[in-house]
C-alpha atoms as a PDB file:
ATOM      1  CA  MET A   1       0.000   0.000   0.000  1.00  0.00           C
ATOM      2  CA  ALA A   2       2.835   2.397   0.885  1.00  0.00           C
ATOM      3  CA  GLU A   3       4.594   1.566  -2.395  1.00  0.00           C
ATOM      4  CA  GLN A   4       1.437   2.357  -4.377  1.00  0.00           C
ATOM      5  CA  LYS A   5       1.098   5.691  -2.563  1.00  0.00           C
ATOM      6  CA  LYS A   6       4.749   6.498  -3.372  1.00  0.00           C
ATOM      7  CA  MET A   7       4.223   5.578  -7.037  1.00  0.00           C
ATOM      8  CA  ARG A   8       1.207   7.907  -7.177  1.00  0.00           C
ATOM      9  CA  GLU A   9       3.228  10.735  -5.606  1.00  0.00           C
ATOM     10  CA  ASP A  10       6.047  10.099  -8.094  1.00  0.00           C
ATOM     11  CA  ALA A  11       3.532  10.128 -10.958  1.00  0.00           C
ATOM     12  CA  PHE A  12       2.244  13.542  -9.875  1.00  0.00           C
ATOM     13  CA  THR A  13       5.809  14.794  -9.523  1.00  0.00           C
ATOM     14  CA  VAL A  14       6.622  13.638 -13.069  1.00  0.00           C
ATOM     15  CA  ILE A  15       3.418  15.232 -14.386  1.00  0.00           C
ATOM     16  CA  GLY A  16       4.442  18.475 -12.704  1.00  0.00           C
ATOM     17  CA  PHE A  17       7.913  18.322 -14.245  1.00  0.00           C
ATOM     18  CA  MET A  18       6.476  17.548 -17.681  1.00  0.00           C
ATOM     19  CA  ARG A  19       4.096  20.502 -17.390  1.00  0.00           C
ATOM     20  CA  ARG A  20       6.948  22.804 -16.334  1.00  0.00           C
ATOM     21  CA  LEU A  21       9.106  21.482 -19.173  1.00  0.00           C
ATOM     22  CA  ARG A  22       6.344  22.020 -21.738  1.00  0.00           C
ATOM     23  CA  LEU A  23       5.663  25.548 -20.463  1.00  0.00           C
ATOM     24  CA  ALA A  24       9.377  26.449 -20.391  1.00  0.00           C
ATOM     25  CA  LEU A  25       9.981  25.062 -23.876  1.00  0.00           C
ATOM     26  CA  THR A  26       6.888  26.767 -25.290  1.00  0.00           C
ATOM     27  CA  HIS A  27       7.795  30.075 -23.662  1.00  0.00           C
ATOM     28  CA  GLY A  28      11.391  29.850 -24.875  1.00  0.00           C
ATOM     29  CA  LEU A  29      10.339  28.818 -28.356  1.00  0.00           C
ATOM     30  CA  ASN A  30       7.775  31.614 -28.599  1.00  0.00           C
ATOM     31  CA  LYS A  31      10.359  34.199 -27.531  1.00  0.00           C
ATOM     32  CA  ARG A  32      12.896  32.816 -29.989  1.00  0.00           C
ATOM     33  CA  MET A  33      10.426  32.437 -32.839  1.00  0.00           C
ATOM     34  CA  ALA A  34       8.946  35.904 -32.390  1.00  0.00           C
ATOM     35  CA  LYS A  35      12.161  37.198 -33.954  1.00  0.00           C
ATOM     36  CA  SER A  36      11.138  35.353 -37.144  1.00  0.00           C
ATOM     37  CA  GLY A  37       7.536  36.494 -36.900  1.00  0.00           C
ATOM     38  CA  ILE A  38       6.120  33.045 -36.114  1.00  0.00           C
ATOM     39  CA  ASN A  39       4.764  31.240 -33.056  1.00  0.00           C
ATOM     40  CA  VAL A  40       4.966  27.633 -31.886  1.00  0.00           C
ATOM     41  CA  ALA A  41       1.762  26.642 -33.716  1.00  0.00           C
ATOM     42  CA  GLN A  42       3.104  28.043 -36.987  1.00  0.00           C
ATOM     43  CA  PHE A  43       6.475  26.381 -36.381  1.00  0.00           C
ATOM     44  CA  SER A  44       4.674  23.067 -35.839  1.00  0.00           C
ATOM     45  CA  VAL A  45       2.901  23.506 -39.176  1.00  0.00           C
ATOM     46  CA  LEU A  46       6.190  24.286 -40.945  1.00  0.00           C
ATOM     47  CA  ALA A  47       7.738  21.142 -39.444  1.00  0.00           C
ATOM     48  CA  LEU A  48       4.719  19.055 -40.432  1.00  0.00           C
ATOM     49  CA  ILE A  49       4.826  20.387 -43.997  1.00  0.00           C
ATOM     50  CA  GLU A  50       8.485  19.406 -44.263  1.00  0.00           C
ATOM     51  CA  GLN A  51       7.854  15.999 -42.707  1.00  0.00           C
ATOM     52  CA  LYS A  52       4.854  15.191 -44.930  1.00  0.00           C
ATOM     53  CA  ASP A  53       6.449  16.576 -48.125  1.00  0.00           C
ATOM     54  CA  GLU A  54       3.792  18.930 -49.476  1.00  0.00           C
ATOM     55  CA  PRO A  55       0.715  17.686 -47.629  1.00  0.00           C
ATOM     56  CA  THR A  56      -2.795  18.634 -48.655  1.00  0.00           C
ATOM     57  CA  MET A  57      -4.812  21.012 -46.522  1.00  0.00           C
ATOM     58  CA  GLY A  58      -6.888  17.983 -45.522  1.00  0.00           C
ATOM     59  CA  ASP A  59      -3.744  16.119 -44.427  1.00  0.00           C
ATOM     60  CA  LEU A  60      -2.770  19.055 -42.202  1.00  0.00           C
ATOM     61  CA  THR A  61      -6.269  19.296 -40.743  1.00  0.00           C
ATOM     62  CA  GLU A  62      -6.273  15.601 -39.887  1.00  0.00           C
ATOM     63  CA  LYS A  63      -2.741  15.524 -38.472  1.00  0.00           C
ATOM     64  CA  LEU A  64      -3.258  18.654 -36.361  1.00  0.00           C
ATOM     65  CA  GLY A  65      -6.658  17.462 -35.139  1.00  0.00           C
ATOM     66  CA  THR A  66      -8.314  20.791 -35.815  1.00  0.00           C
ATOM     67  CA  THR A  67     -10.700  22.376 -38.295  1.00  0.00           C
ATOM     68  CA  MET A  68     -10.072  23.281 -41.903  1.00  0.00           C
ATOM     69  CA  GLY A  69     -10.791  26.903 -40.962  1.00  0.00           C
ATOM     70  CA  ALA A  70      -8.071  26.926 -38.304  1.00  0.00           C
ATOM     71  CA  VAL A  71      -5.545  25.359 -40.686  1.00  0.00           C
ATOM     72  CA  THR A  72      -6.512  27.800 -43.451  1.00  0.00           C
ATOM     73  CA  SER A  73      -5.925  30.705 -41.074  1.00  0.00           C
ATOM     74  CA  LEU A  74      -2.505  29.358 -40.052  1.00  0.00           C
ATOM     75  CA  ILE A  75      -1.508  28.763 -43.667  1.00  0.00           C
ATOM     76  CA  ASP A  76      -2.760  32.228 -44.704  1.00  0.00           C
ATOM     77  CA  ARG A  77      -0.414  33.833 -42.156  1.00  0.00           C
ATOM     78  CA  LEU A  78       2.504  31.663 -43.271  1.00  0.00           C
ATOM     79  CA  VAL A  79       1.825  32.455 -46.941  1.00  0.00           C
ATOM     80  CA  TYR A  80       1.685  36.171 -46.102  1.00  0.00           C
ATOM     81  CA  ALA A  81       5.043  35.863 -44.271  1.00  0.00           C
ATOM     82  CA  GLY A  82       6.538  34.158 -47.326  1.00  0.00           C
ATOM     83  CA  TYR A  83       7.236  30.863 -45.539  1.00  0.00           C
ATOM     84  CA  VAL A  84       4.840  28.578 -47.422  1.00  0.00           C
ATOM     85  CA  GLU A  85       2.995  28.495 -50.712  1.00  0.00           C
ATOM     86  CA  ARG A  86      -0.147  26.768 -51.849  1.00  0.00           C
ATOM     87  CA  ARG A  87       0.113  24.563 -54.904  1.00  0.00           C
ATOM     88  CA  ARG A  88      -2.912  23.348 -56.819  1.00  0.00           C
ATOM     89  CA  ASN A  89      -2.905  19.819 -58.179  1.00  0.00           C
ATOM     90  CA  GLU A  90      -2.943  20.064 -61.986  1.00  0.00           C
ATOM     91  CA  SER A  91      -5.087  16.950 -62.408  1.00  0.00           C
ATOM     92  CA  ASP A  92      -7.587  17.896 -59.671  1.00  0.00           C
ATOM     93  CA  ARG A  93      -7.792  21.635 -58.974  1.00  0.00           C
ATOM     94  CA  ARG A  94      -9.788  20.987 -55.782  1.00  0.00           C
ATOM     95  CA  VAL A  95      -6.661  19.499 -54.167  1.00  0.00           C
ATOM     96  CA  VAL A  96      -4.426  22.122 -52.587  1.00  0.00           C
ATOM     97  CA  ARG A  97      -0.956  21.118 -51.455  1.00  0.00           C
ATOM     98  CA  VAL A  98       1.213  23.225 -49.196  1.00  0.00           C
ATOM     99  CA  GLY A  99       4.981  23.482 -49.552  1.00  0.00           C
ATOM    100  CA  LEU A 100       7.779  25.353 -47.858  1.00  0.00           C
ATOM    101  CA  THR A 101       9.431  28.241 -49.627  1.00  0.00           C
ATOM    102  CA  PRO A 102      13.217  28.578 -49.375  1.00  0.00           C
ATOM    103  CA  GLU A 103      12.676  31.225 -46.677  1.00  0.00           C
ATOM    104  CA  GLY A 104      10.308  28.893 -44.803  1.00  0.00           C
ATOM    105  CA  GLN A 105      12.900  26.112 -44.913  1.00  0.00           C
ATOM    106  CA  LYS A 106      15.521  28.540 -43.637  1.00  0.00           C
ATOM    107  CA  VAL A 107      13.342  29.599 -40.675  1.00  0.00           C
ATOM    108  CA  LEU A 108      12.455  25.981 -39.895  1.00  0.00           C
ATOM    109  CA  ASP A 109      16.112  24.891 -40.015  1.00  0.00           C
ATOM    110  CA  LEU A 110      17.128  27.794 -37.769  1.00  0.00           C
ATOM    111  CA  HIS A 111      14.639  26.843 -35.065  1.00  0.00           C
ATOM    112  CA  LEU A 112      15.239  23.096 -35.372  1.00  0.00           C
ATOM    113  CA  SER A 113      18.950  23.773 -34.933  1.00  0.00           C
ATOM    114  CA  TRP A 114      18.270  25.930 -31.877  1.00  0.00           C
ATOM    115  CA  GLY A 115      16.119  23.170 -30.360  1.00  0.00           C
ATOM    116  CA  ALA A 116      18.776  20.550 -31.009  1.00  0.00           C
ATOM    117  CA  ASP A 117      21.454  22.814 -29.515  1.00  0.00           C
ATOM    118  CA  ASN A 118      19.315  23.209 -26.383  1.00  0.00           C
ATOM    119  CA  LEU A 119      19.012  19.437 -26.010  1.00  0.00           C
ATOM    120  CA  VAL A 120      22.764  19.066 -26.413  1.00  0.00           C
ATOM    121  CA  ARG A 121      23.260  21.673 -23.665  1.00  0.00           C
ATOM    122  CA  PHE A 122      20.787  19.759 -21.486  1.00  0.00           C
ATOM    123  CA  PHE A 123      22.592  16.478 -22.081  1.00  0.00           C
ATOM    124  CA  ASP A 124      25.899  18.163 -21.195  1.00  0.00           C
ATOM    125  CA  THR A 125      24.562  18.483 -17.630  1.00  0.00           C
ATOM    126  CA  VAL A 126      24.226  14.714 -17.153  1.00  0.00           C
ATOM    127  CA  SER A 127      26.606  11.802 -17.481  1.00  0.00           C
ATOM    128  CA  PRO A 128      26.531   9.536 -20.566  1.00  0.00           C
ATOM    129  CA  ASP A 129      24.962   6.779 -18.448  1.00  0.00           C
ATOM    130  CA  GLU A 130      22.266   9.148 -17.162  1.00  0.00           C
ATOM    131  CA  ARG A 131      21.567  10.280 -20.734  1.00  0.00           C
ATOM    132  CA  VAL A 132      21.099   6.681 -21.892  1.00  0.00           C
ATOM    133  CA  THR A 133      18.830   5.983 -18.921  1.00  0.00           C
ATOM    134  CA  PHE A 134      16.822   9.169 -19.522  1.00  0.00           C
ATOM    135  CA  VAL A 135      16.272   8.377 -23.204  1.00  0.00           C
ATOM    136  CA  ASP A 136      15.319   4.770 -22.408  1.00  0.00           C
ATOM    137  CA  VAL A 137      12.867   5.693 -19.638  1.00  0.00           C
ATOM    138  CA  PHE A 138      11.365   8.542 -21.654  1.00  0.00           C
ATOM    139  CA  ALA A 139      10.863   6.251 -24.681  1.00  0.00           C
ATOM    140  CA  ARG A 140       9.182   3.603 -22.520  1.00  0.00           C
ATOM    141  CA  LEU A 141       6.876   6.203 -20.949  1.00  0.00           C
ATOM    142  CA  VAL A 142       5.838   7.536 -24.345  1.00  0.00           C
ATOM    143  CA  ASP A 143       5.309   4.008 -25.721  1.00  0.00           C
ATOM    144  CA  SER A 144       3.168   3.104 -22.707  1.00  0.00           C
ATOM    145  CA  ILE A 145       1.062   6.253 -22.967  1.00  0.00           C
ATOM    146  CA  GLU A 146       0.583   5.821 -26.727  1.00  0.00           C
ATOM    147  CA  SER A 147      -0.389   2.184 -26.202  1.00  0.00           C
ATOM    148  CA  ASP A 148      -2.980   3.177 -23.616  1.00  0.00           C
ATOM    149  CA  ILE A 149      -4.389   5.837 -25.960  1.00  0.00           C
ATOM    150  CA  GLU A 150      -4.783   3.289 -28.758  1.00  0.00           C
ATOM    151  CA  LYS A 151      -6.910   1.145 -26.413  1.00  0.00           C
ATOM    152  CA  LEU A 152      -9.414   3.962 -25.860  1.00  0.00           C
END
């Protein structure tokens, strides 16, 4: 019984740390990205566009789990900033694909590099063994959570 209580306390501690980490990363990313005129949501869309290699607007809507209107608004702002462009499918004009412009790729690469550099700085604060343990435990936690979600 005492062990179960301790596990529950540890779970709440981890949840608190994860919340603080998410808030700190989001705040830091927003401050950093503001210099490029984008926010975390727009950055996420840029990264998704690169990952999916010119997805359709429908693909983005599905992957982001939001409405077509919300995605259209995000894309409109990114088009206006010169970071993405819409491309109509020649065989079916109803299909609109979204691709990064060279400037969009440059902004994405800049922020991805900054994020990677931050993780390297974080990993510099722990030993190689601790890093391996952290990555292993984190991967198992994510796998477990994703597995539970799939069962819902």
